[in-house]
PDB file of N, CA and C in Angstrom:
ATOM      1  N   GLY A   1       0.812  -1.194   0.000  1.00  0.00           N
ATOM      2  CA  GLY A   1       0.000   0.000   0.000  1.00  0.00           C
ATOM      3  C   GLY A   1       0.849   1.248   0.000  1.00  0.00           C
ATOM      4  N   ASP A   2       0.192   2.360   0.053  1.00  0.00           N
ATOM      5  CA  ASP A   2       0.882   3.645   0.073  1.00  0.00           C
ATOM      6  C   ASP A   2       1.456   3.905   1.464  1.00  0.00           C
ATOM      7  N   HIS A   3       2.669   4.400   1.489  1.00  0.00           N
ATOM      8  CA  HIS A   3       3.330   4.770   2.738  1.00  0.00           C
ATOM      9  C   HIS A   3       3.782   6.211   2.628  1.00  0.00           C
ATOM     10  N   THR A   4       3.708   6.923   3.734  1.00  0.00           N
ATOM     11  CA  THR A   4       4.261   8.271   3.739  1.00  0.00           C
ATOM     12  C   THR A   4       5.763   8.170   3.945  1.00  0.00           C
ATOM     13  N   ALA A   5       6.473   9.246   3.661  1.00  0.00           N
ATOM     14  CA  ALA A   5       7.925   9.261   3.875  1.00  0.00           C
ATOM     15  C   ALA A   5       8.246   8.959   5.336  1.00  0.00           C
ATOM     16  N   GLU A   6       7.426   9.492   6.256  1.00  0.00           N
ATOM     17  CA  GLU A   6       7.668   9.253   7.680  1.00  0.00           C
ATOM     18  C   GLU A   6       7.553   7.766   8.011  1.00  0.00           C
ATOM     19  N   ASP A   7       6.557   7.077   7.411  1.00  0.00           N
ATOM     20  CA  ASP A   7       6.397   5.641   7.637  1.00  0.00           C
ATOM     21  C   ASP A   7       7.627   4.877   7.155  1.00  0.00           C
ATOM     22  N   LYS A   8       8.139   5.228   5.979  1.00  0.00           N
ATOM     23  CA  LYS A   8       9.303   4.532   5.422  1.00  0.00           C
ATOM     24  C   LYS A   8      10.535   4.743   6.287  1.00  0.00           C
ATOM     25  N   PHE A   9      10.744   5.957   6.748  1.00  0.00           N
ATOM     26  CA  PHE A   9      11.878   6.215   7.630  1.00  0.00           C
ATOM     27  C   PHE A   9      11.743   5.377   8.902  1.00  0.00           C
ATOM     28  N   LYS A  10      10.565   5.362   9.492  1.00  0.00           N
ATOM     29  CA  LYS A  10      10.343   4.623  10.737  1.00  0.00           C
ATOM     30  C   LYS A  10      10.555   3.124  10.521  1.00  0.00           C
ATOM     31  N   GLU A  11       9.984   2.575   9.437  1.00  0.00           N
ATOM     32  CA  GLU A  11      10.113   1.143   9.144  1.00  0.00           C
ATOM     33  C   GLU A  11      11.568   0.720   9.003  1.00  0.00           C
ATOM     34  N   LEU A  12      12.408   1.595   8.442  1.00  0.00           N
ATOM     35  CA  LEU A  12      13.807   1.258   8.198  1.00  0.00           C
ATOM     36  C   LEU A  12      14.740   1.700   9.320  1.00  0.00           C
ATOM     37  N   GLY A  13      14.196   2.352  10.343  1.00  0.00           N
ATOM     38  CA  GLY A  13      15.021   2.803  11.448  1.00  0.00           C
ATOM     39  C   GLY A  13      15.935   3.953  11.080  1.00  0.00           C
ATOM     40  N   LEU A  14      15.496   4.805  10.154  1.00  0.00           N
ATOM     41  CA  LEU A  14      16.299   5.934   9.709  1.00  0.00           C
ATOM     42  C   LEU A  14      15.769   7.231  10.314  1.00  0.00           C
ATOM     43  N   THR A  15      16.653   8.228  10.363  1.00  0.00           N
ATOM     44  CA  THR A  15      16.296   9.514  10.947  1.00  0.00           C
ATOM     45  C   THR A  15      16.296  10.592   9.869  1.00  0.00           C
ATOM     46  N   ALA A  16      15.159  11.248   9.661  1.00  0.00           N
ATOM     47  CA  ALA A  16      15.053  12.342   8.695  1.00  0.00           C
ATOM     48  C   ALA A  16      15.549  13.621   9.352  1.00  0.00           C
ATOM     49  N   ILE A  17      16.432  14.330   8.650  1.00  0.00           N
ATOM     50  CA  ILE A  17      16.910  15.626   9.135  1.00  0.00           C
ATOM     51  C   ILE A  17      16.723  16.655   8.019  1.00  0.00           C
ATOM     52  N   PRO A  18      16.550  17.928   8.382  1.00  0.00           N
ATOM     53  CA  PRO A  18      16.277  18.939   7.359  1.00  0.00           C
ATOM     54  C   PRO A  18      17.460  19.152   6.410  1.00  0.00           C
ATOM     55  N   ALA A  19      17.144  19.377   5.148  1.00  0.00           N
ATOM     56  CA  ALA A  19      18.143  19.745   4.147  1.00  0.00           C
ATOM     57  C   ALA A  19      18.366  21.252   4.223  1.00  0.00           C
ATOM     58  N   SER A  20      19.442  21.724   3.571  1.00  0.00           N
ATOM     59  CA  SER A  20      19.740  23.150   3.618  1.00  0.00           C
ATOM     60  C   SER A  20      19.117  23.931   2.462  1.00  0.00           C
ATOM     61  N   LYS A  21      18.848  23.251   1.321  1.00  0.00           N
ATOM     62  CA  LYS A  21      18.358  23.976   0.145  1.00  0.00           C
ATOM     63  C   LYS A  21      17.110  23.398  -0.498  1.00  0.00           C
ATOM     64  N   VAL A  22      16.733  22.175  -0.152  1.00  0.00           N
ATOM     65  CA  VAL A  22      15.554  21.549  -0.754  1.00  0.00           C
ATOM     66  C   VAL A  22      14.592  21.106   0.351  1.00  0.00           C
ATOM     67  N   SER A  23      13.367  20.789  -0.043  1.00  0.00           N
ATOM     68  CA  SER A  23      12.366  20.408   0.967  1.00  0.00           C
ATOM     69  C   SER A  23      12.459  18.943   1.386  1.00  0.00           C
ATOM     70  N   ALA A  24      13.027  18.087   0.551  1.00  0.00           N
ATOM     71  CA  ALA A  24      13.162  16.670   0.899  1.00  0.00           C
ATOM     72  C   ALA A  24      14.166  16.513   2.040  1.00  0.00           C
ATOM     73  N   PRO A  25      13.917  15.574   2.968  1.00  0.00           N
ATOM     74  CA  PRO A  25      14.836  15.414   4.100  1.00  0.00           C
ATOM     75  C   PRO A  25      16.119  14.693   3.702  1.00  0.00           C
ATOM     76  N   LEU A  26      17.157  14.894   4.510  1.00  0.00           N
ATOM     77  CA  LEU A  26      18.386  14.114   4.413  1.00  0.00           C
ATOM     78  C   LEU A  26      18.236  12.908   5.331  1.00  0.00           C
ATOM     79  N   ILE A  27      19.119  11.922   5.176  1.00  0.00           N
ATOM     80  CA  ILE A  27      19.110  10.735   6.020  1.00  0.00           C
ATOM     81  C   ILE A  27      20.329  10.800   6.938  1.00  0.00           C
ATOM     82  N   MET A  28      20.093  10.968   8.232  1.00  0.00           N
ATOM     83  CA  MET A  28      21.184  11.131   9.183  1.00  0.00           C
ATOM     84  C   MET A  28      22.168   9.960   9.137  1.00  0.00           C
ATOM     85  N   GLU A  29      21.676   8.742   8.964  1.00  0.00           N
ATOM     86  CA  GLU A  29      22.534   7.560   8.991  1.00  0.00           C
ATOM     87  C   GLU A  29      23.350   7.381   7.711  1.00  0.00           C
ATOM     88  N   CYS A  30      23.064   8.159   6.676  1.00  0.00           N
ATOM     89  CA  CYS A  30      23.790   8.052   5.409  1.00  0.00           C
ATOM     90  C   CYS A  30      25.019   8.957   5.468  1.00  0.00           C
ATOM     91  N   PRO A  31      26.225   8.433   5.194  1.00  0.00           N
ATOM     92  CA  PRO A  31      27.433   9.246   5.318  1.00  0.00           C
ATOM     93  C   PRO A  31      27.570  10.334   4.244  1.00  0.00           C
ATOM     94  N   VAL A  32      26.850  10.196   3.138  1.00  0.00           N
ATOM     95  CA  VAL A  32      26.871  11.202   2.077  1.00  0.00           C
ATOM     96  C   VAL A  32      25.434  11.495   1.662  1.00  0.00           C
ATOM     97  N   ASN A  33      25.054  12.761   1.665  1.00  0.00           N
ATOM     98  CA  ASN A  33      23.735  13.185   1.201  1.00  0.00           C
ATOM     99  C   ASN A  33      23.921  14.255   0.134  1.00  0.00           C
ATOM    100  N   LEU A  34      23.240  14.101  -0.985  1.00  0.00           N
ATOM    101  CA  LEU A  34      23.256  15.095  -2.053  1.00  0.00           C
ATOM    102  C   LEU A  34      21.886  15.738  -2.126  1.00  0.00           C
ATOM    103  N   GLU A  35      21.840  17.053  -2.113  1.00  0.00           N
ATOM    104  CA  GLU A  35      20.585  17.765  -2.309  1.00  0.00           C
ATOM    105  C   GLU A  35      20.496  18.119  -3.787  1.00  0.00           C
ATOM    106  N   CYS A  36      19.389  17.754  -4.415  1.00  0.00           N
ATOM    107  CA  CYS A  36      19.220  17.982  -5.852  1.00  0.00           C
ATOM    108  C   CYS A  36      17.907  18.676  -6.148  1.00  0.00           C
ATOM    109  N   LYS A  37      17.916  19.466  -7.215  1.00  0.00           N
ATOM    110  CA  LYS A  37      16.697  20.082  -7.735  1.00  0.00           C
ATOM    111  C   LYS A  37      16.472  19.530  -9.135  1.00  0.00           C
ATOM    112  N   VAL A  38      15.233  19.178  -9.440  1.00  0.00           N
ATOM    113  CA  VAL A  38      14.887  18.681 -10.772  1.00  0.00           C
ATOM    114  C   VAL A  38      14.956  19.854 -11.742  1.00  0.00           C
ATOM    115  N   ILE A  39      15.725  19.681 -12.829  1.00  0.00           N
ATOM    116  CA  ILE A  39      15.818  20.745 -13.829  1.00  0.00           C
ATOM    117  C   ILE A  39      15.108  20.376 -15.127  1.00  0.00           C
ATOM    118  N   ASP A  40      14.816  19.080 -15.317  1.00  0.00           N
ATOM    119  CA  ASP A  40      14.090  18.665 -16.517  1.00  0.00           C
ATOM    120  C   ASP A  40      13.547  17.255 -16.300  1.00  0.00           C
ATOM    121  N   ILE A  41      12.443  16.959 -16.955  1.00  0.00           N
ATOM    122  CA  ILE A  41      11.872  15.613 -16.948  1.00  0.00           C
ATOM    123  C   ILE A  41      11.693  15.209 -18.400  1.00  0.00           C
ATOM    124  N   ARG A  42      12.317  14.103 -18.804  1.00  0.00           N
ATOM    125  CA  ARG A  42      12.222  13.604 -20.174  1.00  0.00           C
ATOM    126  C   ARG A  42      11.358  12.356 -20.190  1.00  0.00           C
ATOM    127  N   LYS A  43      10.345  12.352 -21.044  1.00  0.00           N
ATOM    128  CA  LYS A  43       9.475  11.183 -21.178  1.00  0.00           C
ATOM    129  C   LYS A  43      10.151  10.198 -22.131  1.00  0.00           C
ATOM    130  N   LEU A  44      10.356   8.970 -21.666  1.00  0.00           N
ATOM    131  CA  LEU A  44      11.071   7.963 -22.449  1.00  0.00           C
ATOM    132  C   LEU A  44      10.199   6.752 -22.775  1.00  0.00           C
ATOM    133  N   GLY A  45       8.935   6.962 -22.961  1.00  0.00           N
ATOM    134  CA  GLY A  45       8.042   5.858 -23.314  1.00  0.00           C
ATOM    135  C   GLY A  45       7.553   5.106 -22.096  1.00  0.00           C
ATOM    136  N   THR A  46       8.380   4.189 -21.586  1.00  0.00           N
ATOM    137  CA  THR A  46       7.956   3.369 -20.450  1.00  0.00           C
ATOM    138  C   THR A  46       8.149   4.054 -19.104  1.00  0.00           C
ATOM    139  N   HIS A  47       8.951   5.125 -19.074  1.00  0.00           N
ATOM    140  CA  HIS A  47       9.227   5.822 -17.815  1.00  0.00           C
ATOM    141  C   HIS A  47       9.704   7.238 -18.085  1.00  0.00           C
ATOM    142  N   ASP A  48       9.787   8.008 -17.041  1.00  0.00           N
ATOM    143  CA  ASP A  48      10.319   9.366 -17.129  1.00  0.00           C
ATOM    144  C   ASP A  48      11.728   9.387 -16.559  1.00  0.00           C
ATOM    145  N   MET A  49      12.611  10.168 -17.197  1.00  0.00           N
ATOM    146  CA  MET A  49      13.963  10.363 -16.687  1.00  0.00           C
ATOM    147  C   MET A  49      14.036  11.766 -16.095  1.00  0.00           C
ATOM    148  N   PHE A  50      14.440  11.841 -14.842  1.00  0.00           N
ATOM    149  CA  PHE A  50      14.559  13.119 -14.160  1.00  0.00           C
ATOM    150  C   PHE A  50      16.008  13.579 -14.217  1.00  0.00           C
ATOM    151  N   LEU A  51      16.241  14.786 -14.708  1.00  0.00           N
ATOM    152  CA  LEU A  51      17.577  15.370 -14.720  1.00  0.00           C
ATOM    153  C   LEU A  51      17.656  16.353 -13.570  1.00  0.00           C
ATOM    154  N   GLY A  52      18.681  16.213 -12.761  1.00  0.00           N
ATOM    155  CA  GLY A  52      18.786  17.050 -11.577  1.00  0.00           C
ATOM    156  C   GLY A  52      20.089  17.811 -11.511  1.00  0.00           C
ATOM    157  N   GLU A  53      20.077  18.860 -10.706  1.00  0.00           N
ATOM    158  CA  GLU A  53      21.271  19.648 -10.425  1.00  0.00           C
ATOM    159  C   GLU A  53      21.580  19.493  -8.946  1.00  0.00           C
ATOM    160  N   VAL A  54      22.812  19.099  -8.620  1.00  0.00           N
ATOM    161  CA  VAL A  54      23.227  18.988  -7.233  1.00  0.00           C
ATOM    162  C   VAL A  54      23.427  20.405  -6.699  1.00  0.00           C
ATOM    163  N   VAL A  55      22.682  20.749  -5.641  1.00  0.00           N
ATOM    164  CA  VAL A  55      22.752  22.103  -5.084  1.00  0.00           C
ATOM    165  C   VAL A  55      23.451  22.148  -3.725  1.00  0.00           C
ATOM    166  N   ALA A  56      23.682  21.002  -3.103  1.00  0.00           N
ATOM    167  CA  ALA A  56      24.421  20.942  -1.833  1.00  0.00           C
ATOM    168  C   ALA A  56      24.910  19.513  -1.611  1.00  0.00           C
ATOM    169  N   VAL A  57      26.073  19.386  -0.989  1.00  0.00           N
ATOM    170  CA  VAL A  57      26.668  18.081  -0.681  1.00  0.00           C
ATOM    171  C   VAL A  57      27.007  18.055   0.802  1.00  0.00           C
ATOM    172  N   HIS A  58      26.646  16.963   1.479  1.00  0.00           N
ATOM    173  CA  HIS A  58      26.948  16.785   2.898  1.00  0.00           C
ATOM    174  C   HIS A  58      27.703  15.467   3.062  1.00  0.00           C
ATOM    175  N   MET A  59      28.888  15.514   3.713  1.00  0.00           N
ATOM    176  CA  MET A  59      29.683  14.304   3.941  1.00  0.00           C
ATOM    177  C   MET A  59      30.112  14.241   5.400  1.00  0.00           C
ATOM    178  N   ASN A  60      30.001  13.054   5.971  1.00  0.00           N
ATOM    179  CA  ASN A  60      30.516  12.838   7.320  1.00  0.00           C
ATOM    180  C   ASN A  60      32.039  12.721   7.255  1.00  0.00           C
ATOM    181  N   GLU A  61      32.711  13.210   8.289  1.00  0.00           N
ATOM    182  CA  GLU A  61      34.174  13.207   8.289  1.00  0.00           C
ATOM    183  C   GLU A  61      34.769  11.813   8.160  1.00  0.00           C
ATOM    184  N   GLU A  62      34.070  10.787   8.660  1.00  0.00           N
ATOM    185  CA  GLU A  62      34.648   9.436   8.628  1.00  0.00           C
ATOM    186  C   GLU A  62      34.810   8.875   7.221  1.00  0.00           C
ATOM    187  N   VAL A  63      34.170   9.470   6.212  1.00  0.00           N
ATOM    188  CA  VAL A  63      34.336   8.995   4.831  1.00  0.00           C
ATOM    189  C   VAL A  63      35.170   9.964   3.988  1.00  0.00           C
ATOM    190  N   MET A  64      35.825  10.939   4.646  1.00  0.00           N
ATOM    191  CA  MET A  64      36.631  11.918   3.926  1.00  0.00           C
ATOM    192  C   MET A  64      38.117  11.639   4.115  1.00  0.00           C
ATOM    193  N   ASN A  65      38.914  12.003   3.098  1.00  0.00           N
ATOM    194  CA  ASN A  65      40.368  11.905   3.235  1.00  0.00           C
ATOM    195  C   ASN A  65      40.920  13.227   3.761  1.00  0.00           C
ATOM    196  N   GLU A  66      42.237  13.313   3.863  1.00  0.00           N
ATOM    197  CA  GLU A  66      42.855  14.509   4.445  1.00  0.00           C
ATOM    198  C   GLU A  66      42.643  15.766   3.596  1.00  0.00           C
ATOM    199  N   LYS A  67      42.281  15.596   2.318  1.00  0.00           N
ATOM    200  CA  LYS A  67      42.017  16.746   1.441  1.00  0.00           C
ATOM    201  C   LYS A  67      40.551  17.174   1.477  1.00  0.00           C
ATOM    202  N   GLY A  68      39.717  16.447   2.240  1.00  0.00           N
ATOM    203  CA  GLY A  68      38.302  16.788   2.326  1.00  0.00           C
ATOM    204  C   GLY A  68      37.462  16.184   1.223  1.00  0.00           C
ATOM    205  N   ASN A  69      38.019  15.232   0.476  1.00  0.00           N
ATOM    206  CA  ASN A  69      37.280  14.529  -0.578  1.00  0.00           C
ATOM    207  C   ASN A  69      36.810  13.175  -0.071  1.00  0.00           C
ATOM    208  N   ILE A  70      35.847  12.589  -0.774  1.00  0.00           N
ATOM    209  CA  ILE A  70      35.364  11.253  -0.397  1.00  0.00           C
ATOM    210  C   ILE A  70      36.484  10.233  -0.575  1.00  0.00           C
ATOM    211  N   ASP A  71      36.705   9.427   0.452  1.00  0.00           N
ATOM    212  CA  ASP A  71      37.620   8.286   0.392  1.00  0.00           C
ATOM    213  C   ASP A  71      36.747   7.068   0.109  1.00  0.00           C
ATOM    214  N   ILE A  72      36.768   6.608  -1.132  1.00  0.00           N
ATOM    215  CA  ILE A  72      35.876   5.519  -1.558  1.00  0.00           C
ATOM    216  C   ILE A  72      36.097   4.263  -0.714  1.00  0.00           C
ATOM    217  N   SER A  73      37.336   3.997  -0.293  1.00  0.00           N
ATOM    218  CA  SER A  73      37.585   2.802   0.526  1.00  0.00           C
ATOM    219  C   SER A  73      36.889   2.897   1.877  1.00  0.00           C
ATOM    220  N   ARG A  74      36.687   4.107   2.387  1.00  0.00           N
ATOM    221  CA  ARG A  74      35.963   4.287   3.648  1.00  0.00           C
ATOM    222  C   ARG A  74      34.450   4.269   3.426  1.00  0.00           C
ATOM    223  N   LEU A  75      34.016   4.778   2.285  1.00  0.00           N
ATOM    224  CA  LEU A  75      32.588   4.844   1.987  1.00  0.00           C
ATOM    225  C   LEU A  75      32.008   3.463   1.681  1.00  0.00           C
ATOM    226  N   GLN A  76      32.767   2.625   0.983  1.00  0.00           N
ATOM    227  CA  GLN A  76      32.355   1.282   0.582  1.00  0.00           C
ATOM    228  C   GLN A  76      31.002   1.281  -0.136  1.00  0.00           C
ATOM    229  N   PRO A  77      30.923   1.961  -1.293  1.00  0.00           N
ATOM    230  CA  PRO A  77      29.655   2.024  -2.027  1.00  0.00           C
ATOM    231  C   PRO A  77      29.292   0.682  -2.657  1.00  0.00           C
ATOM    232  N   ILE A  78      28.032   0.573  -3.058  1.00  0.00           N
ATOM    233  CA  ILE A  78      27.561  -0.608  -3.772  1.00  0.00           C
ATOM    234  C   ILE A  78      26.957  -0.151  -5.098  1.00  0.00           C
ATOM    235  N   ALA A  79      26.850  -1.075  -6.033  1.00  0.00           N
ATOM    236  CA  ALA A  79      26.237  -0.791  -7.323  1.00  0.00           C
ATOM    237  C   ALA A  79      25.139  -1.814  -7.571  1.00  0.00           C
ATOM    238  N   TYR A  80      24.018  -1.348  -8.128  1.00  0.00           N
ATOM    239  CA  TYR A  80      22.919  -2.248  -8.481  1.00  0.00           C
ATOM    240  C   TYR A  80      23.011  -2.584  -9.952  1.00  0.00           C
ATOM    241  N   CYS A  81      22.958  -3.865 -10.280  1.00  0.00           N
ATOM    242  CA  CYS A  81      23.006  -4.333 -11.667  1.00  0.00           C
ATOM    243  C   CYS A  81      21.604  -4.825 -12.038  1.00  0.00           C
ATOM    244  N   PRO A  82      20.817  -3.985 -12.759  1.00  0.00           N
ATOM    245  CA  PRO A  82      19.408  -4.307 -13.000  1.00  0.00           C
ATOM    246  C   PRO A  82      19.168  -5.614 -13.749  1.00  0.00           C
ATOM    247  N   GLN A  83      19.972  -5.925 -14.768  1.00  0.00           N
ATOM    248  CA  GLN A  83      19.732  -7.159 -15.543  1.00  0.00           C
ATOM    249  C   GLN A  83      19.863  -8.402 -14.673  1.00  0.00           C
ATOM    250  N   ALA A  84      20.826  -8.380 -13.754  1.00  0.00           N
ATOM    251  CA  ALA A  84      21.035  -9.530 -12.869  1.00  0.00           C
ATOM    252  C   ALA A  84      20.209  -9.430 -11.594  1.00  0.00           C
ATOM    253  N   ALA A  85      19.617  -8.247 -11.338  1.00  0.00           N
ATOM    254  CA  ALA A  85      18.887  -7.983 -10.096  1.00  0.00           C
ATOM    255  C   ALA A  85      19.766  -8.274  -8.889  1.00  0.00           C
ATOM    256  N   GLU A  86      21.041  -7.806  -8.968  1.00  0.00           N
ATOM    257  CA  GLU A  86      22.012  -8.056  -7.904  1.00  0.00           C
ATOM    258  C   GLU A  86      22.679  -6.747  -7.482  1.00  0.00           C
ATOM    259  N   TYR A  87      23.079  -6.695  -6.226  1.00  0.00           N
ATOM    260  CA  TYR A  87      23.884  -5.601  -5.705  1.00  0.00           C
ATOM    261  C   TYR A  87      25.326  -6.087  -5.588  1.00  0.00           C
ATOM    262  N   TRP A  88      26.275  -5.254  -6.004  1.00  0.00           N
ATOM    263  CA  TRP A  88      27.691  -5.624  -5.971  1.00  0.00           C
ATOM    264  C   TRP A  88      28.483  -4.598  -5.185  1.00  0.00           C
ATOM    265  N   SER A  89      29.500  -5.069  -4.482  1.00  0.00           N
ATOM    266  CA  SER A  89      30.418  -4.154  -3.811  1.00  0.00           C
ATOM    267  C   SER A  89      31.444  -3.664  -4.838  1.00  0.00           C
ATOM    268  N   LEU A  90      32.039  -2.521  -4.549  1.00  0.00           N
ATOM    269  CA  LEU A  90      33.090  -1.975  -5.412  1.00  0.00           C
ATOM    270  C   LEU A  90      34.405  -2.135  -4.661  1.00  0.00           C
ATOM    271  N   LYS A  91      35.334  -2.938  -5.220  1.00  0.00           N
ATOM    272  CA  LYS A  91      36.539  -3.300  -4.481  1.00  0.00           C
ATOM    273  C   LYS A  91      37.694  -2.325  -4.621  1.00  0.00           C
ATOM    274  N   GLN A  92      38.018  -1.892  -5.843  1.00  0.00           N
ATOM    275  CA  GLN A  92      39.243  -1.114  -6.025  1.00  0.00           C
ATOM    276  C   GLN A  92      39.109  -0.159  -7.198  1.00  0.00           C
ATOM    277  N   ALA A  93      39.955   0.863  -7.200  1.00  0.00           N
ATOM    278  CA  ALA A  93      40.014   1.796  -8.326  1.00  0.00           C
ATOM    279  C   ALA A  93      40.677   1.100  -9.509  1.00  0.00           C
ATOM    280  N   ILE A  94      40.162   1.317 -10.700  1.00  0.00           N
ATOM    281  CA  ILE A  94      40.751   0.694 -11.891  1.00  0.00           C
ATOM    282  C   ILE A  94      41.279   1.727 -12.887  1.00  0.00           C
ATOM    283  N   GLY A  95      41.151   3.003 -12.567  1.00  0.00           N
ATOM    284  CA  GLY A  95      41.662   4.059 -13.432  1.00  0.00           C
ATOM    285  C   GLY A  95      41.305   5.411 -12.849  1.00  0.00           C
ATOM    286  N   THR A  96      41.742   6.441 -13.527  1.00  0.00           N
ATOM    287  CA  THR A  96      41.437   7.800 -13.114  1.00  0.00           C
ATOM    288  C   THR A  96      40.763   8.526 -14.266  1.00  0.00           C
ATOM    289  N   TYR A  97      40.209   9.704 -13.979  1.00  0.00           N
ATOM    290  CA  TYR A  97      39.508  10.480 -15.000  1.00  0.00           C
ATOM    291  C   TYR A  97      40.406  10.679 -16.219  1.00  0.00           C
ATOM    292  N   GLY A  98      39.907  10.347 -17.395  1.00  0.00           N
ATOM    293  CA  GLY A  98      40.641  10.522 -18.642  1.00  0.00           C
ATOM    294  C   GLY A  98      41.564   9.361 -19.000  1.00  0.00           C
ATOM    295  N   PHE A  99      41.566   8.262 -18.212  1.00  0.00           N
ATOM    296  CA  PHE A  99      42.514   7.188 -18.486  1.00  0.00           C
ATOM    297  C   PHE A  99      42.249   6.457 -19.792  1.00  0.00           C
ATOM    298  N   THR A 100      41.036   6.585 -20.359  1.00  0.00           N
ATOM    299  CA  THR A 100      40.738   5.914 -21.637  1.00  0.00           C
ATOM    300  C   THR A 100      41.024   6.814 -22.838  1.00  0.00           C
ATOM    301  N   LYS A 101      41.405   8.063 -22.598  1.00  0.00           N
ATOM    302  CA  LYS A 101      41.624   9.012 -23.688  1.00  0.00           C
ATOM    303  C   LYS A 101      42.636   8.456 -24.690  1.00  0.00           C
ATOM    304  N   GLY A 102      42.250   8.490 -25.954  1.00  0.00           N
ATOM    305  CA  GLY A 102      43.135   8.043 -27.012  1.00  0.00           C
ATOM    306  C   GLY A 102      43.128   6.544 -27.229  1.00  0.00           C
ATOM    307  N   LYS A 103      42.367   5.790 -26.440  1.00  0.00           N
ATOM    308  CA  LYS A 103      42.326   4.328 -26.576  1.00  0.00           C
ATOM    309  C   LYS A 103      41.059   3.851 -27.263  1.00  0.00           C
ATOM    310  N   ILE A 104      40.190   4.789 -27.664  1.00  0.00           N
ATOM    311  CA  ILE A 104      38.920   4.376 -28.273  1.00  0.00           C
ATOM    312  C   ILE A 104      39.042   4.445 -29.780  1.00  0.00           C
TER     313      ILE A 104
END
């Protein structure tokens, strides 16, 4: 059935906290929160694609490196693979921005 945002937070044991620039709440237990505003909605037949602009970023110190950037090894993100309906961990860096330049 339909659940309100408050019901979903309660069911999952999460704490909603106010955002600084948008009306949607942040999740206190999440080490990284991005505040986004929808700038366009594209109709793609079976679904709509929402294009957003990140207007604020919040990071807990425990996932930051000494330069104040996200330390991926501390964050331990996961990726969802829709075709396999599986979640995967991300183990290691395999390149840096621009590493494929000139190889295509």
